[in-house]
Amino acid sequence: MFTGIVTHRGVIEGIERPAAQALLLEVRPLGSFGRVELGASIAHDGVCLTVAEITSRGWRVHATGETLRRTTLAARRA
C-alpha cells in the first residue's frame, strides 16, 4: 500500500516502445526536485517504477506488460 505523500510533479518528455508489451518513459520534473538516484522507486501516476537511467533533464523508467495491463500508463502520451 502506498502511504507516501506526493510532493512533486513531472511531465512525460518521451515514450519509446523497446518491446511489444513495454514502455520506456522519459520524465522531466516540474520545478526543483532535488537529486534522483539510479534505482530509486518513484510513483508515476500512482505506479511505483524504478529509475533505470538518469538523463540531463530527468530520468527514464521501464513499464512492463503486466504493469501496462493493470494501470493506465499505456494511455499516457508525451
Protein backbone atom coordinates (compact mmCIF):
# COMPACT_ATOMS: atom_id res chain seq x y z
CA MET A 1 0.00 0.00 0.00
CA PHE A 2 1.28 3.45 -0.89
CA THR A 3 1.46 5.61 2.24
CA GLY A 4 3.69 8.39 0.96
CA ILE A 5 2.76 11.95 0.16
CA VAL A 6 3.04 13.27 -3.39
CA THR A 7 5.45 16.20 -3.18
CA HIS A 8 6.38 16.89 -6.82
CA ARG A 9 5.00 16.65 -10.32
CA GLY A 10 6.59 15.97 -13.68
CA VAL A 11 5.83 15.60 -17.36
CA ILE A 12 6.48 12.76 -19.77
CA GLU A 13 9.05 14.09 -22.24
CA GLY A 14 9.24 10.97 -24.36
CA ILE A 15 7.89 7.46 -24.77
CA GLU A 16 9.62 4.56 -26.50
CA ARG A 17 8.42 1.01 -27.06
CA PRO A 18 11.51 -1.20 -26.75
CA ALA A 19 9.29 -4.31 -26.91
CA ALA A 20 5.68 -5.07 -27.86
CA GLN A 21 4.49 -5.04 -24.25
CA ALA A 22 6.80 -2.48 -22.64
CA LEU A 23 7.26 1.26 -22.40
CA LEU A 24 10.29 3.36 -21.66
CA LEU A 25 9.17 6.70 -20.21
CA GLU A 26 11.41 9.74 -20.04
CA VAL A 27 10.25 12.05 -17.25
CA ARG A 28 11.20 15.65 -16.51
CA PRO A 29 10.31 17.01 -13.07
CA LEU A 30 8.47 20.31 -12.83
CA GLY A 31 10.25 22.75 -10.55
CA SER A 32 13.00 21.85 -8.13
CA PHE A 33 13.08 18.12 -7.45
CA GLY A 34 16.43 17.51 -5.83
CA ARG A 35 18.72 14.61 -6.58
CA VAL A 36 17.33 11.41 -8.11
CA GLU A 37 19.31 8.23 -7.59
CA LEU A 38 19.61 5.37 -10.06
CA GLY A 39 17.42 2.56 -8.73
CA ALA A 40 15.11 4.91 -6.82
CA SER A 41 11.43 3.96 -6.73
CA ILE A 42 9.27 6.89 -7.81
CA ALA A 43 5.48 6.95 -8.21
CA HIS A 44 4.41 7.76 -11.78
CA ASP A 45 0.65 8.32 -11.97
CA GLY A 46 0.35 6.19 -8.85
CA VAL A 47 2.59 3.40 -10.17
CA CYS A 48 5.96 2.96 -8.47
CA LEU A 49 8.64 2.49 -11.12
CA THR A 50 12.39 2.12 -10.70
CA VAL A 51 14.68 4.75 -12.17
CA ALA A 52 16.68 2.92 -14.85
CA GLU A 53 18.62 5.87 -16.24
CA ILE A 54 19.41 9.43 -15.24
CA THR A 55 19.19 11.97 -18.09
CA SER A 56 20.24 15.60 -18.34
CA ARG A 57 16.63 16.70 -17.80
CA GLY A 58 15.26 13.97 -15.54
CA TRP A 59 15.13 10.16 -15.65
CA ARG A 60 13.87 7.11 -17.52
CA VAL A 61 11.77 4.25 -16.20
CA HIS A 62 10.52 0.98 -17.73
CA ALA A 63 6.93 -0.22 -17.54
CA THR A 64 6.46 -3.88 -18.46
CA GLY A 65 3.45 -5.65 -19.91
CA GLU A 66 1.90 -6.61 -16.59
CA THR A 67 2.16 -3.01 -15.38
CA LEU A 68 0.61 -1.74 -18.61
CA ARG A 69 -2.29 -4.22 -18.37
CA ARG A 70 -3.11 -3.27 -14.77
CA THR A 71 -2.67 0.53 -14.93
CA THR A 72 -3.44 3.49 -17.19
CA LEU A 73 0.21 4.07 -18.13
CA ALA A 74 -0.26 2.62 -21.64
CA ALA A 75 -2.62 5.50 -22.44
CA ARG A 76 -0.12 8.22 -21.49
CA ARG A 77 1.36 10.50 -24.14
CA ALA A 78 4.41 12.73 -24.20
